[in-house]
Amino acid sequence: MKLTHLLQAYSFDELMPVINEMFPGTSKFRPQLEAAYDIMVSMRPVPSKKTIRFQTLHDEKGSLSYLGAEDSCFDATWEVCLGKEVTREGGVDLSNIELAANCLVNLCLLGHYPKTFESAHQQLMKG
């Protein structure tokens, strides 16, 4: 499913509890994340042949593994990322809402956001 359709499948109010569960403490950033969501669902995605592939990843030491997508999947403008297909490898048991929540947060932190998100992005980075 394209990321744009994945995000549009859920309201922000449905996504926020999942975001906070996956990334504890993010509830304090609700206004910034909601602003990002509102911008993303109103954007026209740019068609892309690239994918955002969720897989089992390992930390640098190789001692810890987790489910996620490579940071490089989000190294593009929001419009391009929204046009990417979101896939999961075998063994990745994340639900669609968890994929949407993860992508939203990663786009806020790693994606090339529009100028309208600059102020909210700065607040997110101050943490």
N, C-alpha and C. Protein backbone atom coordinates (compact mmCIF):
# COMPACT_ATOMS: atom_id res chain seq x y z
N MET A 1 0.84 -1.17 0.00
CA MET A 1 0.00 0.00 0.00
C MET A 1 0.90 1.24 0.00
N LYS A 2 0.50 2.25 -0.75
CA LYS A 2 1.24 3.51 -0.77
C LYS A 2 1.13 4.18 0.60
N LEU A 3 2.19 4.86 1.02
CA LEU A 3 2.18 5.50 2.34
C LEU A 3 1.04 6.50 2.46
N THR A 4 0.75 7.24 1.41
CA THR A 4 -0.33 8.22 1.47
C THR A 4 -1.65 7.54 1.83
N HIS A 5 -1.93 6.37 1.26
CA HIS A 5 -3.17 5.64 1.55
C HIS A 5 -3.15 5.05 2.95
N LEU A 6 -1.98 4.62 3.39
CA LEU A 6 -1.84 4.07 4.73
C LEU A 6 -2.15 5.13 5.79
N LEU A 7 -1.63 6.34 5.60
CA LEU A 7 -1.91 7.42 6.55
C LEU A 7 -3.37 7.85 6.50
N GLN A 8 -3.93 7.92 5.31
CA GLN A 8 -5.32 8.35 5.16
C GLN A 8 -6.31 7.34 5.72
N ALA A 9 -5.87 6.11 5.94
CA ALA A 9 -6.75 5.06 6.46
C ALA A 9 -7.08 5.28 7.94
N TYR A 10 -6.33 6.16 8.61
CA TYR A 10 -6.51 6.37 10.04
C TYR A 10 -6.62 7.87 10.34
N SER A 11 -7.39 8.20 11.36
CA SER A 11 -7.42 9.57 11.83
C SER A 11 -6.20 9.78 12.72
N PHE A 12 -5.85 11.02 12.95
CA PHE A 12 -4.73 11.29 13.84
C PHE A 12 -5.04 10.78 15.25
N ASP A 13 -6.29 10.91 15.67
CA ASP A 13 -6.68 10.45 17.01
C ASP A 13 -6.51 8.94 17.16
N GLU A 14 -6.60 8.20 16.07
CA GLU A 14 -6.34 6.75 16.11
C GLU A 14 -4.83 6.48 16.16
N LEU A 15 -4.06 7.29 15.46
CA LEU A 15 -2.61 7.08 15.37
C LEU A 15 -1.86 7.46 16.64
N MET A 16 -2.28 8.53 17.31
CA MET A 16 -1.49 9.06 18.43
C MET A 16 -1.26 8.05 19.56
N PRO A 17 -2.26 7.28 19.99
CA PRO A 17 -1.97 6.30 21.04
C PRO A 17 -0.96 5.24 20.60
N VAL A 18 -1.00 4.87 19.33
CA VAL A 18 -0.05 3.89 18.80
C VAL A 18 1.35 4.50 18.76
N ILE A 19 1.45 5.75 18.35
CA ILE A 19 2.74 6.45 18.33
C ILE A 19 3.32 6.48 19.75
N ASN A 20 2.49 6.85 20.71
CA ASN A 20 2.99 6.95 22.09
C ASN A 20 3.39 5.59 22.66
N GLU A 21 2.71 4.54 22.22
CA GLU A 21 3.07 3.19 22.67
C GLU A 21 4.40 2.76 22.06
N MET A 22 4.60 3.08 20.78
CA MET A 22 5.84 2.68 20.09
C MET A 22 7.02 3.56 20.50
N PHE A 23 6.73 4.83 20.77
CA PHE A 23 7.76 5.80 21.13
C PHE A 23 7.33 6.48 22.43
N PRO A 24 7.55 5.83 23.58
CA PRO A 24 7.06 6.38 24.86
C PRO A 24 7.53 7.82 25.08
N GLY A 25 6.60 8.63 25.57
CA GLY A 25 6.91 10.03 25.85
C GLY A 25 6.58 10.99 24.72
N THR A 26 6.17 10.46 23.58
CA THR A 26 5.90 11.35 22.44
C THR A 26 4.58 12.11 22.58
N SER A 27 3.76 11.75 23.57
CA SER A 27 2.48 12.46 23.71
C SER A 27 2.68 13.96 23.92
N LYS A 28 3.84 14.36 24.47
CA LYS A 28 4.10 15.79 24.66
C LYS A 28 4.29 16.51 23.33
N PHE A 29 4.49 15.76 22.25
CA PHE A 29 4.66 16.34 20.91
C PHE A 29 3.40 16.21 20.06
N ARG A 30 2.28 15.95 20.70
CA ARG A 30 1.04 15.77 19.95
C ARG A 30 0.75 16.92 18.98
N PRO A 31 0.86 18.20 19.39
CA PRO A 31 0.55 19.28 18.44
C PRO A 31 1.45 19.25 17.19
N GLN A 32 2.73 18.97 17.37
CA GLN A 32 3.66 18.96 16.24
C GLN A 32 3.37 17.76 15.33
N LEU A 33 3.11 16.60 15.93
CA LEU A 33 2.82 15.42 15.13
C LEU A 33 1.49 15.55 14.40
N GLU A 34 0.52 16.17 15.06
CA GLU A 34 -0.77 16.38 14.40
C GLU A 34 -0.64 17.37 13.24
N ALA A 35 0.19 18.39 13.42
CA ALA A 35 0.44 19.34 12.32
C ALA A 35 1.07 18.61 11.14
N ALA A 36 2.02 17.73 11.42
CA ALA A 36 2.66 16.96 10.35
C ALA A 36 1.64 16.07 9.65
N TYR A 37 0.82 15.39 10.42
CA TYR A 37 -0.21 14.52 9.84
C TYR A 37 -1.13 15.32 8.92
N ASP A 38 -1.60 16.48 9.40
CA ASP A 38 -2.51 17.31 8.61
C ASP A 38 -1.86 17.74 7.30
N ILE A 39 -0.59 18.09 7.35
CA ILE A 39 0.13 18.49 6.13
C ILE A 39 0.25 17.29 5.19
N MET A 40 0.64 16.15 5.74
CA MET A 40 0.88 14.95 4.91
C MET A 40 -0.39 14.48 4.20
N VAL A 41 -1.51 14.44 4.91
CA VAL A 41 -2.73 13.92 4.27
C VAL A 41 -3.31 14.90 3.25
N SER A 42 -2.84 16.14 3.26
CA SER A 42 -3.33 17.11 2.27
C SER A 42 -2.38 17.23 1.07
N MET A 43 -1.22 16.59 1.14
CA MET A 43 -0.23 16.70 0.05
C MET A 43 -0.58 15.77 -1.11
N ARG A 44 -0.10 16.17 -2.27
CA ARG A 44 -0.20 15.30 -3.45
C ARG A 44 1.10 14.50 -3.53
N PRO A 45 1.03 13.17 -3.38
CA PRO A 45 2.25 12.37 -3.42
C PRO A 45 2.87 12.33 -4.82
N VAL A 46 4.19 12.19 -4.83
CA VAL A 46 4.92 12.03 -6.09
C VAL A 46 5.11 10.53 -6.30
N PRO A 47 4.67 10.00 -7.43
CA PRO A 47 4.84 8.56 -7.66
C PRO A 47 6.31 8.17 -7.56
N SER A 48 6.56 7.05 -6.88
CA SER A 48 7.92 6.57 -6.68
C SER A 48 7.95 5.06 -6.85
N LYS A 49 9.02 4.55 -7.43
CA LYS A 49 9.19 3.11 -7.57
C LYS A 49 9.89 2.52 -6.34
N LYS A 50 10.35 3.40 -5.43
CA LYS A 50 11.05 2.93 -4.24
C LYS A 50 10.05 2.51 -3.17
N THR A 51 10.55 1.74 -2.20
CA THR A 51 9.68 1.26 -1.14
C THR A 51 10.22 1.65 0.23
N ILE A 52 9.32 1.65 1.19
CA ILE A 52 9.68 1.75 2.59
C ILE A 52 9.48 0.33 3.11
N ARG A 53 10.59 -0.37 3.32
CA ARG A 53 10.54 -1.80 3.64
C ARG A 53 10.83 -2.04 5.11
N PHE A 54 9.85 -2.56 5.81
CA PHE A 54 10.02 -2.89 7.22
C PHE A 54 10.62 -4.28 7.32
N GLN A 55 11.62 -4.40 8.18
CA GLN A 55 12.37 -5.64 8.31
C GLN A 55 12.96 -5.73 9.71
N THR A 56 13.62 -6.82 10.01
CA THR A 56 14.34 -6.93 11.28
C THR A 56 15.68 -6.25 11.10
N LEU A 57 15.93 -5.24 11.91
CA LEU A 57 17.19 -4.48 11.87
C LEU A 57 17.99 -4.79 13.13
N HIS A 58 19.29 -4.57 13.05
CA HIS A 58 20.19 -4.83 14.18
C HIS A 58 20.97 -3.57 14.51
N ASP A 59 21.27 -3.36 15.79
CA ASP A 59 22.07 -2.21 16.19
C ASP A 59 23.51 -2.42 15.73
N GLU A 60 24.34 -1.40 15.90
CA GLU A 60 25.72 -1.44 15.41
C GLU A 60 26.51 -2.61 15.98
N LYS A 61 26.25 -2.96 17.24
CA LYS A 61 26.97 -4.06 17.88
C LYS A 61 26.41 -5.41 17.50
N GLY A 62 25.23 -5.41 16.89
CA GLY A 62 24.61 -6.66 16.50
C GLY A 62 23.97 -7.41 17.65
N SER A 63 23.91 -6.78 18.82
CA SER A 63 23.38 -7.46 19.99
C SER A 63 21.88 -7.22 20.18
N LEU A 64 21.33 -6.22 19.52
CA LEU A 64 19.93 -5.87 19.69
C LEU A 64 19.26 -5.85 18.33
N SER A 65 18.10 -6.44 18.23
CA SER A 65 17.36 -6.38 16.96
C SER A 65 15.98 -5.78 17.22
N TYR A 66 15.44 -5.14 16.20
CA TYR A 66 14.12 -4.50 16.30
C TYR A 66 13.50 -4.45 14.91
N LEU A 67 12.20 -4.20 14.87
CA LEU A 67 11.50 -4.11 13.60
C LEU A 67 11.44 -2.65 13.19
N GLY A 68 11.80 -2.37 11.94
CA GLY A 68 11.76 -1.01 11.45
C GLY A 68 12.17 -0.95 10.00
N ALA A 69 12.27 0.28 9.50
CA ALA A 69 12.72 0.53 8.14
C ALA A 69 14.02 1.31 8.22
N GLU A 70 14.88 1.11 7.25
CA GLU A 70 16.15 1.84 7.21
C GLU A 70 15.87 3.34 7.15
N ASP A 71 16.71 4.12 7.83
CA ASP A 71 16.57 5.58 7.81
C ASP A 71 16.57 6.12 6.38
N SER A 72 17.34 5.48 5.51
CA SER A 72 17.45 5.96 4.12
C SER A 72 16.11 5.93 3.38
N CYS A 73 15.17 5.11 3.85
CA CYS A 73 13.84 5.06 3.22
C CYS A 73 13.12 6.39 3.34
N PHE A 74 13.49 7.19 4.34
CA PHE A 74 12.81 8.46 4.61
C PHE A 74 13.64 9.67 4.18
N ASP A 75 14.76 9.44 3.50
CA ASP A 75 15.65 10.50 3.07
C ASP A 75 15.19 11.05 1.72
N ALA A 76 14.03 11.71 1.76
CA ALA A 76 13.44 12.30 0.55
C ALA A 76 12.40 13.31 1.03
N THR A 77 11.83 14.05 0.08
CA THR A 77 10.76 14.98 0.46
C THR A 77 9.55 14.17 0.92
N TRP A 78 8.72 14.83 1.70
CA TRP A 78 7.50 14.16 2.17
C TRP A 78 6.66 13.68 0.99
N GLU A 79 6.58 14.49 -0.07
CA GLU A 79 5.77 14.12 -1.22
C GLU A 79 6.26 12.82 -1.86
N VAL A 80 7.58 12.67 -1.96
CA VAL A 80 8.15 11.45 -2.55
C VAL A 80 7.91 10.26 -1.62
N CYS A 81 8.14 10.44 -0.33
CA CYS A 81 7.91 9.34 0.62
C CYS A 81 6.45 8.90 0.61
N LEU A 82 5.53 9.85 0.52
CA LEU A 82 4.11 9.52 0.49
C LEU A 82 3.74 8.68 -0.73
N GLY A 83 4.52 8.78 -1.80
CA GLY A 83 4.28 8.01 -3.01
C GLY A 83 4.95 6.65 -3.02
N LYS A 84 5.69 6.32 -1.96
CA LYS A 84 6.38 5.03 -1.88
C LYS A 84 5.44 3.94 -1.37
N GLU A 85 5.69 2.73 -1.83
CA GLU A 85 4.97 1.56 -1.36
C GLU A 85 5.56 1.15 -0.01
N VAL A 86 4.70 0.82 0.96
CA VAL A 86 5.14 0.34 2.26
C VAL A 86 4.99 -1.18 2.28
N THR A 87 6.10 -1.88 2.53
CA THR A 87 6.09 -3.34 2.54
C THR A 87 6.69 -3.87 3.83
N ARG A 88 6.44 -5.13 4.12
CA ARG A 88 7.07 -5.77 5.26
C ARG A 88 7.62 -7.13 4.83
N GLU A 89 8.81 -7.42 5.33
CA GLU A 89 9.41 -8.72 5.08
C GLU A 89 8.72 -9.76 5.95
N GLY A 90 8.91 -11.01 5.59
CA GLY A 90 8.38 -12.09 6.42
C GLY A 90 8.90 -11.97 7.84
N GLY A 91 8.07 -12.28 8.80
CA GLY A 91 8.48 -12.20 10.20
C GLY A 91 8.23 -10.84 10.84
N VAL A 92 7.84 -9.85 10.04
CA VAL A 92 7.54 -8.52 10.58
C VAL A 92 6.05 -8.51 10.92
N ASP A 93 5.76 -8.50 12.21
CA ASP A 93 4.37 -8.62 12.64
C ASP A 93 3.77 -7.28 13.07
N LEU A 94 4.16 -6.21 12.40
CA LEU A 94 3.59 -4.90 12.68
C LEU A 94 2.26 -4.77 11.92
N SER A 95 1.25 -4.21 12.59
CA SER A 95 -0.04 -3.98 11.95
C SER A 95 0.05 -2.76 11.03
N ASN A 96 -0.96 -2.56 10.21
CA ASN A 96 -0.97 -1.40 9.32
C ASN A 96 -0.94 -0.09 10.10
N ILE A 97 -1.67 -0.02 11.22
CA ILE A 97 -1.66 1.22 11.99
C ILE A 97 -0.29 1.45 12.62
N GLU A 98 0.41 0.39 13.00
CA GLU A 98 1.78 0.54 13.53
C GLU A 98 2.74 1.01 12.44
N LEU A 99 2.56 0.51 11.22
CA LEU A 99 3.39 0.97 10.09
C LEU A 99 3.14 2.45 9.84
N ALA A 100 1.86 2.86 9.84
CA ALA A 100 1.52 4.26 9.60
C ALA A 100 2.12 5.15 10.69
N ALA A 101 2.00 4.74 11.94
CA ALA A 101 2.53 5.52 13.07
C ALA A 101 4.05 5.65 12.96
N ASN A 102 4.72 4.57 12.66
CA ASN A 102 6.17 4.58 12.54
C ASN A 102 6.60 5.49 11.40
N CYS A 103 5.93 5.39 10.26
CA CYS A 103 6.28 6.23 9.11
C CYS A 103 6.07 7.71 9.42
N LEU A 104 4.98 8.04 10.09
CA LEU A 104 4.70 9.43 10.43
C LEU A 104 5.84 10.02 11.27
N VAL A 105 6.24 9.30 12.31
CA VAL A 105 7.31 9.79 13.18
C VAL A 105 8.62 9.89 12.41
N ASN A 106 8.94 8.87 11.62
CA ASN A 106 10.20 8.90 10.87
C ASN A 106 10.24 10.02 9.84
N LEU A 107 9.11 10.29 9.21
CA LEU A 107 9.09 11.41 8.26
C LEU A 107 9.32 12.73 8.97
N CYS A 108 8.77 12.88 10.17
CA CYS A 108 8.97 14.11 10.93
C CYS A 108 10.44 14.31 11.30
N LEU A 109 11.12 13.23 11.63
CA LEU A 109 12.50 13.31 12.10
C LEU A 109 13.54 13.22 10.98
N LEU A 110 13.24 12.46 9.93
CA LEU A 110 14.26 12.17 8.91
C LEU A 110 13.93 12.72 7.52
N GLY A 111 12.65 12.94 7.25
CA GLY A 111 12.25 13.36 5.91
C GLY A 111 12.56 14.82 5.64
N HIS A 112 12.51 15.18 4.37
CA HIS A 112 12.70 16.57 3.94
C HIS A 112 11.32 17.23 3.95
N TYR A 113 11.04 17.91 5.04
CA TYR A 113 9.72 18.47 5.30
C TYR A 113 9.54 19.82 4.60
N PRO A 114 8.27 20.23 4.41
CA PRO A 114 8.00 21.54 3.80
C PRO A 114 8.26 22.67 4.80
N LYS A 115 8.45 23.86 4.29
CA LYS A 115 8.73 25.03 5.14
C LYS A 115 7.63 25.26 6.18
N THR A 116 6.40 24.89 5.85
CA THR A 116 5.30 25.09 6.79
C THR A 116 5.46 24.26 8.06
N PHE A 117 6.33 23.27 8.05
CA PHE A 117 6.55 22.42 9.22
C PHE A 117 7.80 22.82 10.00
N GLU A 118 8.53 23.83 9.54
CA GLU A 118 9.81 24.22 10.15
C GLU A 118 9.71 24.47 11.65
N SER A 119 8.78 25.27 12.07
CA SER A 119 8.66 25.61 13.49
C SER A 119 8.36 24.36 14.33
N ALA A 120 7.44 23.54 13.87
CA ALA A 120 7.10 22.30 14.60
C ALA A 120 8.29 21.36 14.63
N HIS A 121 9.05 21.29 13.54
CA HIS A 121 10.23 20.43 13.49
C HIS A 121 11.26 20.87 14.53
N GLN A 122 11.47 22.17 14.63
CA GLN A 122 12.43 22.69 15.62
C GLN A 122 12.01 22.30 17.03
N GLN A 123 10.72 22.35 17.32
CA GLN A 123 10.22 21.95 18.64
C GLN A 123 10.45 20.46 18.88
N LEU A 124 10.25 19.64 17.85
CA LEU A 124 10.50 18.21 17.98
C LEU A 124 11.97 17.93 18.28
N MET A 125 12.85 18.66 17.64
CA MET A 125 14.29 18.42 17.79
C MET A 125 14.81 18.87 19.16
N LYS A 126 14.13 19.83 19.76
CA LYS A 126 14.55 20.28 21.10
C LYS A 126 14.26 19.20 22.13
N GLY A 127 13.22 18.39 21.84
CA GLY A 127 12.85 17.26 22.69
C GLY A 127 12.63 17.60 24.09
